[in-house]
Amino acid sequence: MIIHGCTKHSSQGSQTIHYGEMKLIPGSTFEMGGNDPQASADEFPRHMVTVDSFYMDIHEVTNGQFLKFVASTNYVTIAEKNINWEEMKINLPAGTPKPAENILQAGSVVFRATNGPVSLNDETQWWAWTISANWKHPAGPGSSIENLMDHPVVHVAWDDAVAYAQWVGKRLPTEAEWEWAARGALDNPIYPWGNVSAEQSSAKANFWQGMFPYKNTVQDGFYGTAPVMSYKSNGYGLYDMAGNVWEWCNDLYHYESYTMDAVKEICINPTGPDRSLDPNEPHMPKRVMRGGSYLCNDSYCSGYRVSRRMRSSQDTGLSHTGFRCVKSIR
C-alpha cells in the first residue's frame, strides 16, 4: 500500500517515483540486535521485539521538501542560531571553559577530507566546526542547495526533524521500527540488500569506497550526498536505508538499552529508554541515528548494517545527518 504525500514526481529510468510517498511496513515480531562480527557492544544482547504495522517515507526528507516547510512556517533551524552558552554548558563537564565568542556564532559541523592517513580514533581530524554552515549552505559559506533539491536535507538537528515531522502530521521512527523496516522482509540480513559484503556492493548504496577519510574512489557515483532513490529499494520499497545520510530516530540513546529490554520476554513497540547515557560523554543527552552515510566505511563505522547504532546530541547538525518520517496506522 502507498500513501501519496505530494504530486511532484521524478522519472528514474522507466519507473516513475513520487516524492513524499509512504509504504506500509507490516508489523511483526523479530530478534533485534547485532548479527555479524562487526557488531558493536551496544548492539547486544539480541532480544525479541514486536512492532505494529506503520507507514514510512520511501526516502529521506529532501532539501525541496524541507524548503516548503521553512517557507510555510518561517522555521529557523538550530544551526542558523547563535549558540547560547548558558544552555550549552548544562550538558558539559563542570568547569568547561567558555569558547571564544566567534566560536559561538551560528554554524554546524562539516566533513573535511584529510591529506592522508590519520588516526581513526580522532574525529576532529575530519570534522570542522564551520560558521554559517547549515541546511541551506551545507558546505559552509558560498555553498548552495540550488541544484540539490532532490538530495536529503542535512545539518538538521533532532529538534529540527521533529518540528518538520509534526508539520506534516507524522513523527520520527522508533529505533525498533527503523531496524525492522531496514530489513525489507529479508531473514535477518546484515545489510538492507542482504548479506553480500559492502566492499562488493558499491552499486547498492552511497557510502565511502577507498581509504577513509582521505581517498574516496567514488565507485558508487557520488562523493557526497546522492539524490534520494538513486539506488535500488529494499524489499519494502524503501530507498537509502543504507548510506547517504544518517537518519534520526525518536529514541534516546543509552549504551545499555538492549540489556534493559532483554529482561522482558518480548518488547512490545519499544520507544527507548527514559534517559540517555553515552559513557564517552556522560553529561550530554543523545538520540539514536541509524542507517549510515556517504562517509561510512568498514574501516571506520560500517554504519550501513541494519543493526548499527549511532548517536548524537539532539541539538547537533552535521553534513551527513538527515531523517525520514513515519506515521502510525492508528
Protein backbone atom coordinates (compact mmCIF):
# COMPACT_ATOMS: atom_id res chain seq x y z
CA MET A 1 0.00 0.00 0.00
CA ILE A 2 1.24 3.50 -0.85
CA ILE A 3 0.31 6.89 0.54
CA HIS A 4 0.97 9.80 -1.81
CA GLY A 5 2.31 12.79 0.07
CA CYS A 6 2.54 15.18 -2.88
CA THR A 7 2.19 15.28 -6.64
CA LYS A 8 5.77 16.11 -7.57
CA HIS A 9 7.44 13.20 -9.26
CA SER A 10 10.69 12.25 -10.91
CA SER A 11 11.39 9.72 -13.61
CA GLN A 12 14.06 7.18 -12.73
CA GLY A 13 14.67 5.09 -15.84
CA SER A 14 11.34 3.62 -16.86
CA GLN A 15 9.96 3.87 -13.34
CA THR A 16 8.02 6.88 -12.09
CA ILE A 17 8.79 7.82 -8.49
CA HIS A 18 6.58 10.16 -6.49
CA TYR A 19 8.31 12.24 -3.84
CA GLY A 20 6.59 12.10 -0.48
CA GLU A 21 5.23 8.57 -0.85
CA MET A 22 4.97 6.28 2.16
CA LYS A 23 4.93 2.50 2.21
CA LEU A 24 3.07 0.27 4.63
CA ILE A 25 5.55 -1.68 6.76
CA PRO A 26 3.83 -4.81 8.12
CA GLY A 27 4.18 -5.36 11.83
CA SER A 28 5.96 -8.42 13.18
CA THR A 29 7.98 -9.95 15.99
CA PHE A 30 11.72 -10.21 15.35
CA GLU A 31 15.06 -10.60 17.10
CA MET A 32 16.66 -7.17 17.24
CA GLY A 33 20.38 -6.52 17.52
CA GLY A 34 23.80 -7.30 16.10
CA ASN A 35 24.19 -10.36 13.91
CA ASP A 36 27.72 -10.24 12.50
CA PRO A 37 31.35 -9.88 13.69
CA GLN A 38 31.37 -6.12 13.07
CA ALA A 39 28.60 -5.52 15.61
CA SER A 40 29.40 -3.15 18.46
CA ALA A 41 28.81 -3.84 22.15
CA ASP A 42 25.71 -1.62 22.24
CA GLU A 43 24.04 -3.84 19.61
CA PHE A 44 23.79 -6.64 22.17
CA PRO A 45 22.17 -8.60 23.63
CA ARG A 46 19.83 -9.64 20.83
CA HIS A 47 16.29 -9.52 22.12
CA MET A 48 12.76 -10.13 20.90
CA VAL A 49 10.73 -7.12 19.77
CA THR A 50 7.24 -6.68 18.38
CA VAL A 51 6.30 -3.65 16.29
CA ASP A 52 2.86 -2.82 14.95
CA SER A 53 2.35 -2.00 11.28
CA PHE A 54 3.17 1.60 10.32
CA TYR A 55 3.80 3.79 7.29
CA MET A 56 7.30 5.01 6.44
CA ASP A 57 8.58 7.59 3.95
CA ILE A 58 10.11 5.79 1.00
CA HIS A 59 13.03 8.20 1.01
CA GLU A 60 14.85 10.66 3.24
CA VAL A 61 13.35 14.15 3.53
CA THR A 62 14.80 16.24 0.71
CA ASN A 63 16.00 19.82 0.55
CA GLY A 64 12.98 20.60 -1.59
CA GLN A 65 10.56 19.22 0.99
CA PHE A 66 12.31 20.98 3.86
CA LEU A 67 12.28 24.25 1.90
CA LYS A 68 8.48 24.07 1.66
CA PHE A 69 8.31 23.58 5.43
CA VAL A 70 10.52 26.60 6.11
CA ALA A 71 8.68 28.76 3.57
CA SER A 72 5.35 27.90 5.18
CA THR A 73 6.37 28.26 8.83
CA ASN A 74 9.43 30.58 8.83
CA TYR A 75 11.15 27.91 10.89
CA VAL A 76 14.78 28.57 11.81
CA THR A 77 17.00 25.55 12.36
CA ILE A 78 19.34 25.24 15.30
CA ALA A 79 22.38 25.59 13.01
CA GLU A 80 21.11 29.03 11.96
CA LYS A 81 21.05 30.36 15.53
CA ASN A 82 23.94 31.64 17.59
CA ILE A 83 24.89 29.26 20.41
CA ASN A 84 23.56 30.07 23.88
CA TRP A 85 26.49 29.28 26.17
CA GLU A 86 24.31 29.16 29.30
CA GLU A 87 22.24 26.40 27.74
CA MET A 88 25.18 24.61 26.18
CA LYS A 89 27.27 24.31 29.34
CA ILE A 90 24.49 22.41 31.13
CA ASN A 91 25.48 19.31 29.15
CA LEU A 92 29.23 19.76 29.54
CA PRO A 93 31.54 18.71 32.40
CA ALA A 94 31.71 21.24 35.23
CA GLY A 95 34.43 23.81 34.70
CA THR A 96 34.47 23.61 30.92
CA PRO A 97 35.79 27.00 29.78
CA LYS A 98 33.59 29.22 27.65
CA PRO A 99 34.71 29.24 23.98
CA ALA A 100 35.59 32.46 22.21
CA GLU A 101 32.58 34.45 21.01
CA ASN A 102 33.37 33.76 17.35
CA ILE A 103 33.04 30.02 18.05
CA LEU A 104 29.55 30.59 19.43
CA GLN A 105 28.27 32.01 16.15
CA ALA A 106 25.68 30.11 14.15
CA GLY A 107 27.15 27.17 12.28
CA SER A 108 27.42 23.42 12.01
CA VAL A 109 29.91 20.59 11.63
CA VAL A 110 31.24 19.89 8.12
CA PHE A 111 33.29 16.97 6.84
CA ARG A 112 36.75 17.86 5.51
CA ALA A 113 38.83 15.14 3.88
CA THR A 114 42.34 14.80 5.27
CA ASN A 115 45.51 14.91 3.18
CA GLY A 116 46.48 11.39 4.13
CA PRO A 117 46.04 8.64 6.73
CA VAL A 118 45.13 9.76 10.25
CA SER A 119 44.14 8.02 13.45
CA LEU A 120 40.53 6.89 13.15
CA ASN A 121 40.16 7.43 16.89
CA ASP A 122 40.33 11.21 16.46
CA GLU A 123 37.24 12.53 14.69
CA THR A 124 38.49 16.10 14.92
CA GLN A 125 40.85 15.22 12.07
CA TRP A 126 37.96 15.24 9.57
CA TRP A 127 35.18 17.24 11.22
CA ALA A 128 35.37 21.04 11.25
CA TRP A 129 33.06 23.45 13.07
CA THR A 130 32.09 25.81 10.26
CA ILE A 131 30.48 29.21 10.83
CA SER A 132 27.39 29.75 8.63
CA ALA A 133 27.14 26.10 7.59
CA ASN A 134 23.50 24.98 7.70
CA TRP A 135 20.90 23.17 5.61
CA LYS A 136 20.90 25.96 3.00
CA HIS A 137 24.71 26.11 2.88
CA PRO A 138 25.77 22.50 3.51
CA ALA A 139 29.49 23.00 2.84
CA GLY A 140 29.63 26.40 4.53
CA PRO A 141 29.58 29.99 3.19
CA GLY A 142 29.28 30.15 -0.57
CA SER A 143 27.72 26.71 -0.94
CA SER A 144 24.11 26.25 -2.00
CA ILE A 145 21.34 23.68 -2.36
CA GLU A 146 20.08 25.27 -5.60
CA ASN A 147 20.93 22.15 -7.59
CA LEU A 148 20.38 19.73 -4.70
CA MET A 149 16.62 19.85 -4.22
CA ASP A 150 16.33 16.08 -4.61
CA HIS A 151 19.20 15.40 -2.18
CA PRO A 152 18.49 14.70 1.50
CA VAL A 153 18.45 17.75 3.74
CA VAL A 154 21.43 17.80 6.12
CA HIS A 155 22.60 19.86 9.09
CA VAL A 156 19.23 19.23 10.73
CA ALA A 157 19.31 18.61 14.46
CA TRP A 158 16.90 16.18 16.09
CA ASP A 159 14.70 19.09 17.21
CA ASP A 160 14.51 20.33 13.61
CA ALA A 161 13.49 16.90 12.35
CA VAL A 162 10.75 16.66 14.98
CA ALA A 163 9.43 20.09 14.01
CA TYR A 164 9.20 19.08 10.35
CA ALA A 165 7.55 15.75 11.20
CA GLN A 166 4.89 17.47 13.28
CA TRP A 167 4.23 19.94 10.46
CA VAL A 168 3.47 17.13 8.01
CA GLY A 169 1.41 15.17 10.55
CA LYS A 170 3.99 12.45 11.04
CA ARG A 171 6.68 11.52 13.56
CA LEU A 172 10.20 10.14 13.73
CA PRO A 173 10.53 6.34 13.75
CA THR A 174 11.43 4.43 16.85
CA GLU A 175 14.73 2.61 16.69
CA ALA A 176 12.91 -0.74 16.55
CA GLU A 177 10.65 0.42 13.71
CA TRP A 178 13.66 1.66 11.77
CA GLU A 179 15.60 -1.59 12.11
CA TRP A 180 12.60 -3.71 11.16
CA ALA A 181 11.87 -1.56 8.10
CA ALA A 182 15.53 -1.63 7.02
CA ARG A 183 15.45 -5.43 6.81
CA GLY A 184 13.00 -5.20 3.94
CA ALA A 185 11.35 -8.58 4.58
CA LEU A 186 14.68 -10.43 4.41
CA ASP A 187 15.52 -13.06 7.03
CA ASN A 188 17.90 -11.40 9.49
CA PRO A 189 20.11 -9.67 6.87
CA ILE A 190 23.33 -7.86 7.67
CA TYR A 191 22.53 -5.08 5.18
CA PRO A 192 19.26 -3.82 3.66
CA TRP A 193 20.27 -5.56 0.41
CA GLY A 194 21.17 -8.89 2.07
CA ASN A 195 24.48 -10.39 3.18
CA VAL A 196 26.80 -9.55 0.27
CA SER A 197 29.70 -7.59 1.77
CA ALA A 198 29.76 -3.83 1.48
CA GLU A 199 33.01 -3.87 -0.50
CA GLN A 200 31.21 -5.87 -3.18
CA SER A 201 28.10 -3.68 -3.07
CA SER A 202 29.13 -0.22 -4.30
CA ALA A 203 26.15 -0.16 -6.65
CA LYS A 204 23.68 -0.77 -3.82
CA ALA A 205 24.18 2.31 -1.61
CA ASN A 206 26.04 5.60 -1.20
CA PHE A 207 28.98 5.14 1.14
CA TRP A 208 32.75 5.72 1.23
CA GLN A 209 34.84 3.47 -1.01
CA GLY A 210 38.60 3.58 -0.66
CA MET A 211 40.62 4.76 2.32
CA PHE A 212 38.72 6.84 4.87
CA PRO A 213 38.99 9.79 5.42
CA TYR A 214 41.34 10.87 2.64
CA LYS A 215 40.72 8.81 -0.51
CA ASN A 216 37.24 8.13 -1.88
CA THR A 217 37.25 6.19 -5.15
CA VAL A 218 33.59 7.16 -5.72
CA GLN A 219 32.69 3.72 -7.10
CA ASP A 220 29.06 4.35 -6.11
CA GLY A 221 28.95 7.50 -8.25
CA PHE A 222 28.81 10.18 -5.54
CA TYR A 223 31.41 11.84 -3.34
CA GLY A 224 28.85 13.46 -1.03
CA THR A 225 25.11 13.01 -0.77
CA ALA A 226 23.23 11.41 -3.66
CA PRO A 227 19.76 12.28 -4.94
CA VAL A 228 17.25 10.22 -2.98
CA MET A 229 16.26 6.97 -4.68
CA SER A 230 19.48 6.74 -6.69
CA TYR A 231 19.84 3.08 -5.74
CA LYS A 232 17.50 0.11 -5.72
CA SER A 233 14.94 -0.02 -2.90
CA ASN A 234 14.82 -2.76 -0.30
CA GLY A 235 12.07 -5.36 -0.09
CA TYR A 236 9.59 -2.90 1.44
CA GLY A 237 10.16 -0.32 -1.30
CA LEU A 238 12.30 1.93 0.91
CA TYR A 239 15.30 3.75 -0.56
CA ASP A 240 18.64 4.61 1.07
CA MET A 241 18.10 2.62 4.23
CA ALA A 242 21.87 2.19 3.98
CA GLY A 243 24.20 5.10 3.34
CA ASN A 244 23.55 8.60 2.01
CA VAL A 245 22.77 10.23 5.39
CA TRP A 246 22.34 9.07 8.95
CA GLU A 247 18.68 9.23 9.99
CA TRP A 248 17.40 10.46 13.32
CA CYS A 249 15.19 8.14 15.35
CA ASN A 250 12.92 9.20 18.18
CA ASP A 251 14.68 7.18 20.90
CA LEU A 252 17.09 8.48 23.46
CA TYR A 253 20.42 6.68 23.22
CA HIS A 254 21.62 4.52 26.10
CA TYR A 255 24.54 2.15 25.57
CA GLU A 256 22.83 -0.49 27.73
CA SER A 257 19.28 -0.06 26.45
CA TYR A 258 19.28 -3.53 24.88
CA THR A 259 20.28 -5.04 28.22
CA MET A 260 17.29 -3.27 29.78
CA ASP A 261 14.96 -4.57 27.08
CA ALA A 262 16.30 -8.12 27.19
CA VAL A 263 14.81 -8.74 30.66
CA LYS A 264 11.37 -8.70 29.04
CA GLU A 265 10.22 -11.80 27.19
CA ILE A 266 9.12 -9.62 24.26
CA CYS A 267 9.34 -5.83 23.99
CA ILE A 268 6.09 -4.50 22.52
CA ASN A 269 6.56 -1.34 20.45
CA PRO A 270 9.60 -0.14 22.43
CA THR A 271 10.19 3.60 22.43
CA GLY A 272 13.64 3.64 24.00
CA PRO A 273 14.98 4.29 27.50
CA ASP A 274 13.80 7.03 29.84
CA ARG A 275 17.25 8.58 29.99
CA SER A 276 20.31 8.80 27.80
CA LEU A 277 23.82 7.65 28.58
CA ASP A 278 26.88 7.59 26.35
CA PRO A 279 29.88 6.62 28.53
CA ASN A 280 32.16 8.70 26.31
CA GLU A 281 30.14 11.86 27.01
CA PRO A 282 28.06 11.10 30.11
CA HIS A 283 26.92 14.69 30.59
CA MET A 284 25.33 15.00 27.15
CA PRO A 285 21.89 13.50 26.36
CA LYS A 286 21.84 11.92 22.92
CA ARG A 287 19.39 10.49 20.39
CA VAL A 288 19.78 7.44 18.18
CA MET A 289 20.69 7.68 14.49
CA ARG A 290 20.50 4.81 12.03
CA GLY A 291 21.49 3.81 8.50
CA GLY A 292 24.98 5.12 7.96
CA SER A 293 26.00 7.81 5.49
CA TYR A 294 28.14 8.63 2.47
CA LEU A 295 31.09 8.70 4.88
CA CYS A 296 30.71 5.16 6.23
CA ASN A 297 33.41 2.61 5.54
CA ASP A 298 34.17 -0.80 7.06
CA SER A 299 37.45 0.53 8.42
CA TYR A 300 35.61 3.13 10.45
CA CYS A 301 31.94 2.55 11.28
CA SER A 302 30.19 0.06 8.94
CA GLY A 303 27.10 2.18 9.56
CA TYR A 304 25.18 0.70 6.66
CA ARG A 305 24.47 -2.50 8.62
CA VAL A 306 20.78 -2.76 9.63
CA SER A 307 21.66 -3.20 13.32
CA ARG A 308 24.32 -0.47 13.55
CA ARG A 309 23.55 2.18 16.16
CA MET A 310 24.92 5.72 16.18
CA ARG A 311 24.16 8.65 18.46
CA SER A 312 24.49 12.40 18.65
CA SER A 313 23.30 15.22 20.88
CA GLN A 314 19.88 16.28 19.72
CA ASP A 315 20.92 19.89 19.13
CA THR A 316 23.73 18.91 16.75
CA GLY A 317 23.60 19.07 12.97
CA LEU A 318 26.20 17.52 10.70
CA SER A 319 26.82 17.39 6.97
CA HIS A 320 25.90 13.69 6.87
CA THR A 321 22.79 13.70 9.07
CA GLY A 322 19.17 13.79 7.89
CA PHE A 323 15.93 11.92 8.59
CA ARG A 324 12.75 10.36 7.28
CA CYS A 325 9.31 10.17 8.87
CA VAL A 326 6.77 7.53 9.78
CA LYS A 327 3.06 7.57 10.51
CA SER A 328 1.10 5.33 12.85
CA ILE A 329 -1.88 3.50 11.41
CA ARG A 330 -3.99 4.40 14.41
